[in-house]
Each structure stands twice: as structure tokens, then as C-alpha cells.
Amino acid sequence: MIATLAAQGLGHAAAPNRRAFVEIAFRLLRIRTLDVEARGPVLETFVAREKNLTTVFFDTRKEMG
């Protein structure tokens, strides 16, 4: 998707996807540095945070109409 948008001259529209891709890559690199036992709680925290951000986004979107 990022490459398709960039090829069509819509690089600005791909920016959120680029940021998400880089963030995921860094998270995965960080997780690899942790002990196997510590990875579960970290992943659960990541997922909980993303759920919270999504909920807040949709609540804000409803408020704004």
C-alpha cells in the first residue's frame, strides 16, 4: 500500500502507514532483546494500549460528528 501510494504521487497519504510500519518494526526489535518470559506481559501491554487508542479515536470521532 505504501509503495502504491508513493508511486501515484500520494506519498503524503502513505505517511501514517509508514509511521505505523516503523513503529511496529521498532517494537519487534525491542521485544527480541527481552527474555522470553518477559515478552508476554510486554505484548499484552502493547495490545492494551492499541485498544485504548482505538477506543479513544472512535469516541472522539463520534463527538466530532
C-alpha atoms as a PDB file:
ATOM      1  CA  MET A   1       0.000   0.000   0.000  1.00  0.00           C
ATOM      2  CA  ILE A   2       2.792   2.422   0.888  1.00  0.00           C
ATOM      3  CA  ALA A   3       4.611   1.770  -2.387  1.00  0.00           C
ATOM      4  CA  THR A   4       1.400   2.064  -4.420  1.00  0.00           C
ATOM      5  CA  LEU A   5       0.527   5.426  -2.909  1.00  0.00           C
ATOM      6  CA  ALA A   6       4.072   6.706  -3.315  1.00  0.00           C
ATOM      7  CA  ALA A   7       4.174   5.566  -6.958  1.00  0.00           C
ATOM      8  CA  GLN A   8       0.977   7.514  -7.624  1.00  0.00           C
ATOM      9  CA  GLY A   9       2.494  10.672  -6.173  1.00  0.00           C
ATOM     10  CA  LEU A  10       0.487  10.362  -2.961  1.00  0.00           C
ATOM     11  CA  GLY A  11       3.377   9.935  -0.551  1.00  0.00           C
ATOM     12  CA  HIS A  12       1.682  12.268   1.917  1.00  0.00           C
ATOM     13  CA  ALA A  13      -1.256   9.839   2.135  1.00  0.00           C
ATOM     14  CA  ALA A  14       1.131   6.984   2.918  1.00  0.00           C
ATOM     15  CA  ALA A  15       2.763   8.798   5.848  1.00  0.00           C
ATOM     16  CA  PRO A  16       0.533   7.277   8.582  1.00  0.00           C
ATOM     17  CA  ASN A  17       1.206   3.811   7.179  1.00  0.00           C
ATOM     18  CA  ARG A  18       4.951   4.480   7.118  1.00  0.00           C
ATOM     19  CA  ARG A  19       4.888   5.600  10.733  1.00  0.00           C
ATOM     20  CA  ALA A  20       2.893   2.524  11.754  1.00  0.00           C
ATOM     21  CA  PHE A  21       5.314   0.246   9.899  1.00  0.00           C
ATOM     22  CA  VAL A  22       8.352   1.822  11.558  1.00  0.00           C
ATOM     23  CA  GLU A  23       6.717   1.689  14.983  1.00  0.00           C
ATOM     24  CA  ILE A  24       5.898  -1.993  14.601  1.00  0.00           C
ATOM     25  CA  ALA A  25       9.434  -2.737  13.404  1.00  0.00           C
ATOM     26  CA  PHE A  26      10.954  -0.992  16.417  1.00  0.00           C
ATOM     27  CA  ARG A  27       8.592  -2.773  18.798  1.00  0.00           C
ATOM     28  CA  LEU A  28       9.548  -6.149  17.350  1.00  0.00           C
ATOM     29  CA  LEU A  29      13.244  -5.319  17.605  1.00  0.00           C
ATOM     30  CA  ARG A  30      12.783  -4.287  21.224  1.00  0.00           C
ATOM     31  CA  ILE A  31      10.866  -7.438  22.079  1.00  0.00           C
ATOM     32  CA  ARG A  32      13.691  -9.576  20.680  1.00  0.00           C
ATOM     33  CA  THR A  33      16.043  -8.062  23.279  1.00  0.00           C
ATOM     34  CA  LEU A  34      13.845  -9.254  26.169  1.00  0.00           C
ATOM     35  CA  ASP A  35      13.905 -12.613  27.877  1.00  0.00           C
ATOM     36  CA  VAL A  36      11.245 -14.974  26.569  1.00  0.00           C
ATOM     37  CA  GLU A  37       9.415 -14.855  29.910  1.00  0.00           C
ATOM     38  CA  ALA A  38       9.195 -11.052  29.786  1.00  0.00           C
ATOM     39  CA  ARG A  39       7.766 -10.889  26.270  1.00  0.00           C
ATOM     40  CA  GLY A  40       4.207 -11.912  27.179  1.00  0.00           C
ATOM     41  CA  PRO A  41       3.487  -9.017  29.539  1.00  0.00           C
ATOM     42  CA  VAL A  42       5.097  -6.543  27.144  1.00  0.00           C
ATOM     43  CA  LEU A  43       2.949  -7.748  24.256  1.00  0.00           C
ATOM     44  CA  GLU A  44      -0.164  -7.612  26.437  1.00  0.00           C
ATOM     45  CA  THR A  45       0.692  -4.005  27.306  1.00  0.00           C
ATOM     46  CA  PHE A  46       1.172  -3.133  23.632  1.00  0.00           C
ATOM     47  CA  VAL A  47      -2.192  -4.646  22.726  1.00  0.00           C
ATOM     48  CA  ALA A  48      -3.982  -2.951  25.630  1.00  0.00           C
ATOM     49  CA  ARG A  49      -2.518   0.415  24.633  1.00  0.00           C
ATOM     50  CA  GLU A  50      -3.575  -0.004  21.000  1.00  0.00           C
ATOM     51  CA  LYS A  51      -7.110  -0.957  22.088  1.00  0.00           C
ATOM     52  CA  ASN A  52      -7.249   2.150  24.262  1.00  0.00           C
ATOM     53  CA  LEU A  53      -6.043   4.396  21.438  1.00  0.00           C
ATOM     54  CA  THR A  54      -8.621   2.897  19.082  1.00  0.00           C
ATOM     55  CA  THR A  55     -11.427   3.391  21.593  1.00  0.00           C
ATOM     56  CA  VAL A  56     -10.431   6.999  22.223  1.00  0.00           C
ATOM     57  CA  PHE A  57     -10.210   7.621  18.468  1.00  0.00           C
ATOM     58  CA  PHE A  58     -13.727   6.326  17.847  1.00  0.00           C
ATOM     59  CA  ASP A  59     -15.130   8.197  20.848  1.00  0.00           C
ATOM     60  CA  THR A  60     -13.572  11.422  19.587  1.00  0.00           C
ATOM     61  CA  ARG A  61     -14.854  10.742  16.096  1.00  0.00           C
ATOM     62  CA  LYS A  62     -18.416  10.293  17.418  1.00  0.00           C
ATOM     63  CA  GLU A  63     -18.186  13.540  19.359  1.00  0.00           C
ATOM     64  CA  MET A  64     -16.989  15.438  16.307  1.00  0.00           C
ATOM     65  CA  GLY A  65     -19.762  14.023  14.146  1.00  0.00           C
END
